N, C-alpha and C. Protein backbone atom coordinates (compact mmCIF):
# COMPACT_ATOMS: atom_id res chain seq x y z
N MET A 1 184.44 58.82 22.18
CA MET A 1 185.77 59.41 23.33
C MET A 1 185.73 58.96 24.48
N ARG A 2 184.28 58.79 25.27
CA ARG A 2 184.29 57.76 26.28
C ARG A 2 185.00 56.52 26.57
N THR A 3 184.98 55.96 25.30
CA THR A 3 185.68 54.59 25.41
C THR A 3 187.14 54.62 25.25
N LYS A 4 187.29 55.78 24.60
CA LYS A 4 188.92 55.88 24.31
C LYS A 4 189.59 56.45 25.90
N LEU A 5 188.92 57.28 26.50
CA LEU A 5 189.52 57.52 27.90
C LEU A 5 189.49 56.41 28.71
N TRP A 6 188.33 55.78 28.66
CA TRP A 6 188.21 54.75 29.74
C TRP A 6 189.13 53.56 29.55
N ASN A 7 189.66 53.19 27.94
CA ASN A 7 190.66 52.43 28.02
C ASN A 7 192.04 52.79 28.15
N ALA A 8 192.03 54.09 28.43
CA ALA A 8 193.49 54.47 28.50
C ALA A 8 193.71 53.96 30.27
N VAL A 9 193.05 53.84 30.70
CA VAL A 9 192.79 53.95 32.23
C VAL A 9 193.33 52.46 32.68
N GLY A 10 193.41 51.55 31.87
CA GLY A 10 193.73 50.51 31.59
C GLY A 10 192.83 49.37 32.91
N LYS A 11 193.45 48.80 33.84
CA LYS A 11 192.66 47.76 34.54
C LYS A 11 191.44 48.70 35.42
N GLN A 12 191.62 50.01 35.59
CA GLN A 12 190.84 50.77 36.22
C GLN A 12 189.42 51.29 35.58
N ASN A 13 189.14 50.71 34.06
CA ASN A 13 188.39 50.94 32.89
C ASN A 13 186.72 50.84 33.91
N PRO A 14 185.97 51.61 34.18
CA PRO A 14 184.86 51.14 34.85
C PRO A 14 183.78 50.12 34.17
N ALA A 15 183.99 50.36 32.87
CA ALA A 15 183.09 49.20 32.04
C ALA A 15 183.70 47.88 31.90
N LYS A 16 185.05 47.71 32.01
CA LYS A 16 185.74 46.16 32.60
C LYS A 16 185.46 45.87 34.02
N ARG A 17 185.49 46.63 34.79
CA ARG A 17 185.42 46.39 36.11
C ARG A 17 183.56 45.86 36.53
N ALA A 18 182.86 46.27 35.82
CA ALA A 18 181.49 45.83 36.18
C ALA A 18 181.02 44.72 36.00
N ILE A 19 180.34 43.83 37.10
CA ILE A 19 179.94 42.43 36.99
C ILE A 19 178.60 42.18 37.44
N ARG A 20 177.85 41.29 37.07
CA ARG A 20 176.94 41.32 37.80
C ARG A 20 176.31 41.55 38.85
N LEU A 21 177.11 41.17 39.78
CA LEU A 21 176.90 41.54 41.25
C LEU A 21 177.07 42.82 41.67
N LYS A 22 178.09 43.60 40.74
CA LYS A 22 178.63 45.10 41.39
C LYS A 22 178.26 45.77 39.69
N PRO A 23 177.35 46.20 39.50
CA PRO A 23 177.30 46.76 38.26
C PRO A 23 177.49 48.21 38.25
N LEU A 24 177.75 49.00 37.03
CA LEU A 24 178.19 50.07 36.94
C LEU A 24 176.89 51.01 37.09
N ILE A 25 176.35 51.81 38.20
CA ILE A 25 175.45 52.31 38.46
C ILE A 25 175.29 53.90 38.22
N ILE A 26 174.17 54.17 37.30
CA ILE A 26 173.80 55.43 36.70
C ILE A 26 172.71 56.09 37.52
N GLU A 27 172.91 57.55 38.09
CA GLU A 27 172.05 57.91 38.97
C GLU A 27 171.51 59.11 38.10
N ILE A 28 169.99 59.23 38.03
CA ILE A 28 169.32 60.33 37.18
C ILE A 28 168.81 60.97 38.37
N ASP A 29 169.06 62.23 38.59
CA ASP A 29 168.45 63.28 39.70
C ASP A 29 168.19 64.15 39.18
N ALA A 30 167.31 65.18 39.66
CA ALA A 30 166.85 66.59 39.66
C ALA A 30 166.92 67.22 40.93
N THR A 31 167.19 68.54 40.78
CA THR A 31 167.31 69.46 41.80
C THR A 31 166.87 70.58 41.86
N LEU A 32 166.53 71.59 42.76
CA LEU A 32 166.23 73.24 42.07
C LEU A 32 167.13 73.56 42.64
N LEU A 33 167.64 74.60 41.50
CA LEU A 33 168.65 75.74 42.03
C LEU A 33 167.85 77.07 41.97
N GLN A 34 167.89 77.84 43.42
CA GLN A 34 167.24 78.86 43.53
C GLN A 34 168.29 80.07 43.16
N TYR A 35 167.84 81.13 42.65
CA TYR A 35 168.43 82.13 42.41
C TYR A 35 167.94 83.62 42.91
N HIS A 36 168.28 84.48 43.63
CA HIS A 36 167.51 85.37 44.43
C HIS A 36 167.08 86.46 43.48
N LEU A 37 167.63 86.71 42.03
CA LEU A 37 167.15 87.59 41.14
C LEU A 37 166.79 86.82 40.11
N GLU A 38 165.84 87.49 39.37
CA GLU A 38 165.09 87.08 38.37
C GLU A 38 165.97 87.02 37.24
N LYS A 39 166.68 85.79 36.74
CA LYS A 39 167.57 85.56 35.74
C LYS A 39 167.03 85.54 34.63
N GLN A 40 167.67 85.55 33.28
CA GLN A 40 167.30 85.14 32.20
C GLN A 40 166.95 83.51 31.79
N ALA A 41 165.56 83.45 31.34
CA ALA A 41 164.99 82.04 31.18
C ALA A 41 164.82 81.35 32.64
N ALA A 42 164.86 82.18 33.98
CA ALA A 42 164.80 81.54 34.95
C ALA A 42 162.97 81.65 35.09
N ALA A 43 162.72 80.98 35.72
CA ALA A 43 160.79 80.91 35.60
C ALA A 43 160.96 80.46 37.40
N GLY A 44 159.72 81.46 38.09
CA GLY A 44 159.28 81.10 39.23
C GLY A 44 158.61 79.82 39.65
N ASN A 45 159.22 79.24 40.67
CA ASN A 45 158.76 77.98 40.97
C ASN A 45 157.81 77.82 42.52
N PHE A 46 157.54 76.52 43.17
CA PHE A 46 156.94 76.40 43.90
C PHE A 46 157.29 76.91 44.91
N LYS A 47 158.61 77.26 45.48
CA LYS A 47 159.12 77.73 46.85
C LYS A 47 159.06 79.33 46.56
N GLY A 48 158.36 79.89 45.73
CA GLY A 48 158.34 81.36 45.45
C GLY A 48 159.33 82.03 44.96
N GLY A 49 160.45 81.17 44.57
CA GLY A 49 161.47 82.10 44.01
C GLY A 49 161.63 81.94 42.34
N TYR A 50 162.99 82.35 42.03
CA TYR A 50 163.41 82.02 40.57
C TYR A 50 164.22 80.74 40.45
N GLY A 51 164.63 80.10 39.61
CA GLY A 51 165.70 79.36 39.47
C GLY A 51 165.59 78.21 38.13
N PHE A 52 166.05 77.03 38.31
CA PHE A 52 166.43 76.40 37.28
C PHE A 52 166.00 74.82 37.91
N ALA A 53 165.71 74.02 37.19
CA ALA A 53 165.66 72.30 37.91
C ALA A 53 166.23 71.39 36.97
N PRO A 54 167.52 71.79 36.86
CA PRO A 54 168.40 70.49 36.21
C PRO A 54 168.47 69.16 36.46
N MET A 55 168.28 68.08 35.48
CA MET A 55 168.39 66.65 35.79
C MET A 55 169.84 66.32 35.52
N VAL A 56 170.44 65.82 36.15
CA VAL A 56 172.00 65.68 36.33
C VAL A 56 171.91 64.14 36.29
N ASP A 57 172.78 63.51 35.69
CA ASP A 57 172.90 62.06 35.37
C ASP A 57 174.61 61.63 35.23
N SER A 58 174.85 60.94 36.58
CA SER A 58 176.31 60.66 36.70
C SER A 58 176.15 59.22 36.87
N LEU A 59 177.63 58.94 36.98
CA LEU A 59 177.93 57.41 37.22
C LEU A 59 178.20 57.51 38.63
N ASP A 60 177.95 56.63 39.26
CA ASP A 60 177.99 56.33 40.96
C ASP A 60 179.58 56.72 41.41
N TYR A 61 179.66 56.84 42.78
CA TYR A 61 181.12 57.00 43.11
C TYR A 61 181.26 55.41 43.77
N SER A 62 181.29 54.33 43.37
CA SER A 62 181.55 53.48 43.89
C SER A 62 182.91 52.91 43.76
N ARG A 63 183.20 52.19 45.08
CA ARG A 63 184.61 51.89 44.89
C ARG A 63 185.24 51.09 43.89
N ILE A 64 184.30 50.23 43.71
CA ILE A 64 184.70 49.28 42.11
C ILE A 64 184.52 49.76 40.92
N CYS A 65 183.55 50.45 40.38
CA CYS A 65 183.43 50.74 39.03
C CYS A 65 183.06 52.24 38.69
N GLY A 66 182.38 53.03 39.65
CA GLY A 66 182.20 54.10 39.50
C GLY A 66 182.92 55.12 39.43
N THR A 67 182.92 56.36 38.54
CA THR A 67 183.72 57.74 38.83
C THR A 67 183.26 58.80 38.96
N GLY A 68 181.66 59.03 38.95
CA GLY A 68 181.27 60.22 39.54
C GLY A 68 180.93 61.11 38.29
N GLU A 69 181.47 60.49 37.15
CA GLU A 69 181.33 61.70 36.22
C GLU A 69 180.21 61.88 35.48
N ILE A 70 179.77 63.41 34.97
CA ILE A 70 178.58 63.49 34.45
C ILE A 70 178.50 62.90 33.29
N LEU A 71 177.14 62.03 32.90
CA LEU A 71 176.77 61.52 31.49
C LEU A 71 176.02 62.50 30.94
N ALA A 72 174.93 63.34 31.34
CA ALA A 72 174.17 63.94 30.77
C ALA A 72 173.37 64.84 31.62
N ALA A 73 173.20 66.10 31.17
CA ALA A 73 172.48 66.91 32.03
C ALA A 73 171.67 67.86 31.36
N LEU A 74 170.21 68.14 31.89
CA LEU A 74 169.16 68.52 31.08
C LEU A 74 168.56 69.84 31.91
N LEU A 75 168.42 70.82 31.39
CA LEU A 75 168.21 72.19 32.07
C LEU A 75 166.70 72.42 31.64
N HIS A 76 165.94 72.39 32.83
CA HIS A 76 164.80 72.90 32.95
C HIS A 76 164.15 74.10 33.84
N LEU A 77 163.35 74.87 33.42
CA LEU A 77 162.69 76.29 34.11
C LEU A 77 162.28 75.49 35.21
N GLY A 78 162.53 76.81 36.20
CA GLY A 78 161.92 76.27 37.86
C GLY A 78 161.00 75.84 37.86
N ASN A 79 159.87 76.36 36.74
CA ASN A 79 158.67 75.87 37.35
C ASN A 79 157.84 74.55 36.41
N LYS A 80 159.07 74.07 36.02
CA LYS A 80 158.73 73.05 35.43
C LYS A 80 159.27 71.45 36.11
N GLY A 81 158.14 70.71 36.16
CA GLY A 81 158.52 69.46 37.00
C GLY A 81 159.65 68.57 36.34
N ALA A 82 160.56 68.00 36.68
CA ALA A 82 161.59 66.98 36.31
C ALA A 82 160.95 65.58 36.52
N ASN A 83 160.00 65.35 37.04
CA ASN A 83 159.61 64.06 37.50
C ASN A 83 158.72 63.42 36.56
N SER A 84 158.88 63.63 35.08
CA SER A 84 158.12 63.18 34.35
C SER A 84 158.62 61.71 33.34
N ALA A 85 157.78 60.78 32.98
CA ALA A 85 158.45 59.79 32.40
C ALA A 85 159.32 60.51 31.12
N LYS A 86 158.53 61.29 30.74
CA LYS A 86 158.92 61.75 29.11
C LYS A 86 160.53 62.19 29.32
N VAL A 87 160.66 62.75 30.56
CA VAL A 87 161.80 63.70 30.51
C VAL A 87 162.83 62.40 31.04
N HIS A 88 162.24 61.63 31.89
CA HIS A 88 163.75 60.53 32.34
C HIS A 88 163.86 59.57 30.92
N ILE A 89 163.06 59.39 30.15
CA ILE A 89 163.02 58.63 28.85
C ILE A 89 164.10 59.22 27.94
N GLU A 90 163.91 60.50 27.97
CA GLU A 90 164.65 61.20 26.99
C GLU A 90 166.26 61.60 27.64
N VAL A 91 166.18 61.66 28.52
CA VAL A 91 167.62 61.69 29.12
C VAL A 91 168.11 60.25 29.26
N LEU A 92 167.85 59.24 29.55
CA LEU A 92 167.88 57.87 29.53
C LEU A 92 168.86 57.58 28.21
N TRP A 93 168.02 58.08 26.94
CA TRP A 93 168.37 57.94 25.50
C TRP A 93 170.12 58.31 25.42
N TRP A 94 169.94 59.76 26.04
CA TRP A 94 171.46 60.43 25.85
C TRP A 94 172.37 59.56 26.56
N ILE A 95 171.71 59.16 27.79
CA ILE A 95 173.23 58.40 28.69
C ILE A 95 173.39 57.04 27.66
N LEU A 96 172.43 56.51 27.10
CA LEU A 96 172.95 55.15 26.27
C LEU A 96 173.73 55.53 25.31
N ALA A 97 173.71 56.87 24.62
CA ALA A 97 174.42 57.18 23.52
C ALA A 97 175.94 57.47 23.89
N VAL A 98 176.08 57.75 25.20
CA VAL A 98 177.58 58.16 25.36
C VAL A 98 178.38 57.11 26.18
N LEU A 99 177.68 55.89 26.66
CA LEU A 99 178.22 55.09 27.28
C LEU A 99 179.36 54.34 26.66
N PRO A 100 180.40 53.86 26.83
CA PRO A 100 181.35 53.06 26.09
C PRO A 100 180.92 51.66 25.54
N ASP A 101 181.80 51.69 24.23
CA ASP A 101 181.44 50.52 23.72
C ASP A 101 181.84 48.87 24.70
N ASP A 102 182.40 49.32 25.84
CA ASP A 102 182.58 47.81 26.22
C ASP A 102 181.50 47.36 27.06
N LEU A 103 180.46 48.44 27.08
CA LEU A 103 179.03 47.93 27.59
C LEU A 103 178.02 47.08 26.50
N ALA A 104 178.55 47.36 25.23
CA ALA A 104 177.75 46.86 24.31
C ALA A 104 178.05 45.25 23.93
N GLN A 105 177.05 44.62 23.29
CA GLN A 105 177.35 43.34 22.87
C GLN A 105 177.45 43.53 21.67
N GLU A 106 177.73 42.12 20.97
CA GLU A 106 178.14 42.61 19.75
C GLU A 106 177.41 42.74 18.53
N ASP A 107 175.99 42.69 19.04
CA ASP A 107 174.78 43.42 18.03
C ASP A 107 174.75 44.64 18.56
N ARG A 108 175.53 45.35 19.23
CA ARG A 108 175.15 46.97 19.57
C ARG A 108 173.92 47.29 20.95
N THR A 109 173.76 46.21 21.41
CA THR A 109 172.76 46.29 22.64
C THR A 109 173.48 46.37 23.81
N LEU A 110 172.81 46.94 24.57
CA LEU A 110 173.26 47.30 26.15
C LEU A 110 173.36 45.55 26.52
N GLN A 111 174.55 45.91 27.15
CA GLN A 111 174.72 44.59 28.45
C GLN A 111 174.01 44.68 29.63
N CYS A 112 172.93 44.50 29.69
CA CYS A 112 171.91 45.13 30.68
C CYS A 112 172.51 44.45 32.20
N GLU A 113 173.05 43.40 32.46
CA GLU A 113 173.47 43.07 33.58
C GLU A 113 174.47 43.71 34.31
N LEU A 114 175.20 44.73 33.57
CA LEU A 114 176.47 45.34 33.78
C LEU A 114 175.91 46.65 34.01
N VAL A 115 174.76 47.36 33.94
CA VAL A 115 174.40 48.29 34.28
C VAL A 115 173.32 48.69 35.11
N LEU A 116 173.16 49.80 36.08
CA LEU A 116 171.87 49.53 36.83
C LEU A 116 171.52 51.27 36.81
N VAL A 117 170.26 51.46 36.55
CA VAL A 117 169.83 52.81 36.33
C VAL A 117 169.17 53.19 37.37
N HIS A 118 169.36 54.14 38.34
CA HIS A 118 168.70 54.47 39.88
C HIS A 118 167.91 55.62 39.56
N PHE A 119 166.84 55.99 39.48
CA PHE A 119 165.95 57.26 39.52
C PHE A 119 165.69 57.72 40.58
């Protein structure tokens, strides 16, 4: 689906605009969302409140080839740390699955020189 959408924008297609010196930047980041009341599935966190710690992965808002669109998101309980290698690898696999075909080589492997993943 993303391949069709990005191809529809023609010259503005981020995958086609990415080059080795200006790659498509993928941001992987987690943040704590606080709730004042105990919500269903929310858990107590290190700040003494309740909330969630989602890990959100998006394309950077660069002027060259970023879009800012969300590629993947993983919702964690507030007391579960998001800074584990296991979580980052899981989310990275989700991202790779939704990247457009333009970023793949003929053998379906990722053109790594066109993508930079920022943790």
